[in-house]
Amino acid sequence: MVQFNAEEEQEEYVNKQIREAREGEYPEHKSIQDAENGSMVNDMEDLKQLSEDMDEMSTNSEDEARGLKPDPEQ
């Protein structure tokens, strides 16, 4: 497995999202009239995508083990 520093890891993550968007992995954007402002998800399709995105995120413990500083408490 290739080791990345934090900046390289972030760049790889963004590039992966761009590749997947080009390949049709992500749904098309909704119109402003259909989107509900203030909601994380607007329908089941959005919920499934958010769930996949959250599954790919590392936990604070995993970040700390890799020498990264987690986000401050919200």
Protein backbone atom coordinates (compact mmCIF):
# COMPACT_ATOMS: atom_id res chain seq x y z
CA MET A 1 0.00 0.00 0.00
CA VAL A 2 1.30 3.46 -0.92
CA GLN A 3 1.75 5.94 1.93
CA PHE A 4 0.60 9.51 1.29
CA ASN A 5 1.09 12.64 3.32
CA ALA A 6 -2.10 14.50 4.26
CA GLU A 7 -2.05 16.80 1.22
CA GLU A 8 -1.45 13.92 -1.21
CA GLU A 9 -4.19 11.89 0.43
CA GLN A 10 -6.66 14.76 0.11
CA GLU A 11 -5.71 15.31 -3.52
CA GLU A 12 -6.16 11.60 -4.29
CA TYR A 13 -9.60 11.64 -2.59
CA VAL A 14 -10.73 14.66 -4.64
CA ASN A 15 -9.39 13.12 -7.86
CA LYS A 16 -11.27 9.89 -7.08
CA GLN A 17 -14.51 11.84 -6.63
CA ILE A 18 -13.94 13.64 -9.95
CA ARG A 19 -13.27 10.34 -11.76
CA GLU A 20 -16.38 8.74 -10.25
CA ALA A 21 -18.52 11.76 -11.18
CA ARG A 22 -17.30 11.54 -14.78
CA GLU A 23 -18.08 7.82 -14.84
CA GLY A 24 -21.65 8.48 -13.68
CA GLU A 25 -21.20 7.22 -10.11
CA TYR A 26 -22.96 10.26 -8.64
CA PRO A 27 -26.51 11.30 -9.50
CA GLU A 28 -27.19 14.45 -11.51
CA HIS A 29 -27.78 17.66 -9.59
CA LYS A 30 -31.35 18.46 -8.71
CA SER A 31 -32.99 21.65 -9.82
CA ILE A 32 -33.19 24.46 -7.29
CA GLN A 33 -36.97 24.02 -7.20
CA ASP A 34 -36.60 20.33 -6.21
CA ALA A 35 -33.80 20.76 -3.70
CA GLU A 36 -34.70 21.53 -0.10
CA ASN A 37 -32.29 24.01 1.45
CA GLY A 38 -31.13 23.16 4.95
CA SER A 39 -31.44 19.40 4.52
CA MET A 40 -28.52 17.01 4.22
CA VAL A 41 -30.63 14.78 1.97
CA ASN A 42 -33.71 15.36 -0.12
CA ASP A 43 -34.67 11.80 -1.02
CA MET A 44 -33.60 8.17 -0.72
CA GLU A 45 -31.06 8.53 -3.54
CA ASP A 46 -29.32 11.36 -1.66
CA LEU A 47 -29.41 9.30 1.55
CA LYS A 48 -27.73 6.33 -0.13
CA GLN A 49 -25.02 8.56 -1.58
CA LEU A 50 -24.41 10.26 1.77
CA SER A 51 -24.15 6.85 3.43
CA GLU A 52 -21.51 5.75 0.90
CA ASP A 53 -19.59 9.00 1.41
CA MET A 54 -19.69 8.59 5.20
CA ASP A 55 -18.49 4.96 4.96
CA GLU A 56 -15.36 6.17 3.13
CA MET A 57 -14.49 8.74 5.80
CA SER A 58 -11.98 7.84 8.51
CA THR A 59 -12.75 8.14 12.18
CA ASN A 60 -10.86 10.51 14.47
CA SER A 61 -8.99 7.51 15.94
CA GLU A 62 -7.93 6.37 12.46
CA ASP A 63 -6.78 9.89 11.59
CA GLU A 64 -4.78 10.17 14.82
CA ALA A 65 -3.13 6.78 14.16
CA ARG A 66 -1.95 8.15 10.80
CA GLY A 67 -0.57 11.28 12.45
CA LEU A 68 -3.40 13.58 11.35
CA LYS A 69 -5.17 16.01 13.63
CA PRO A 70 -8.98 15.53 13.64
CA ASP A 71 -11.39 18.41 13.19
CA PRO A 72 -12.21 20.32 16.35
CA GLU A 73 -15.42 19.48 18.13
CA GLN A 74 -18.46 20.89 16.39
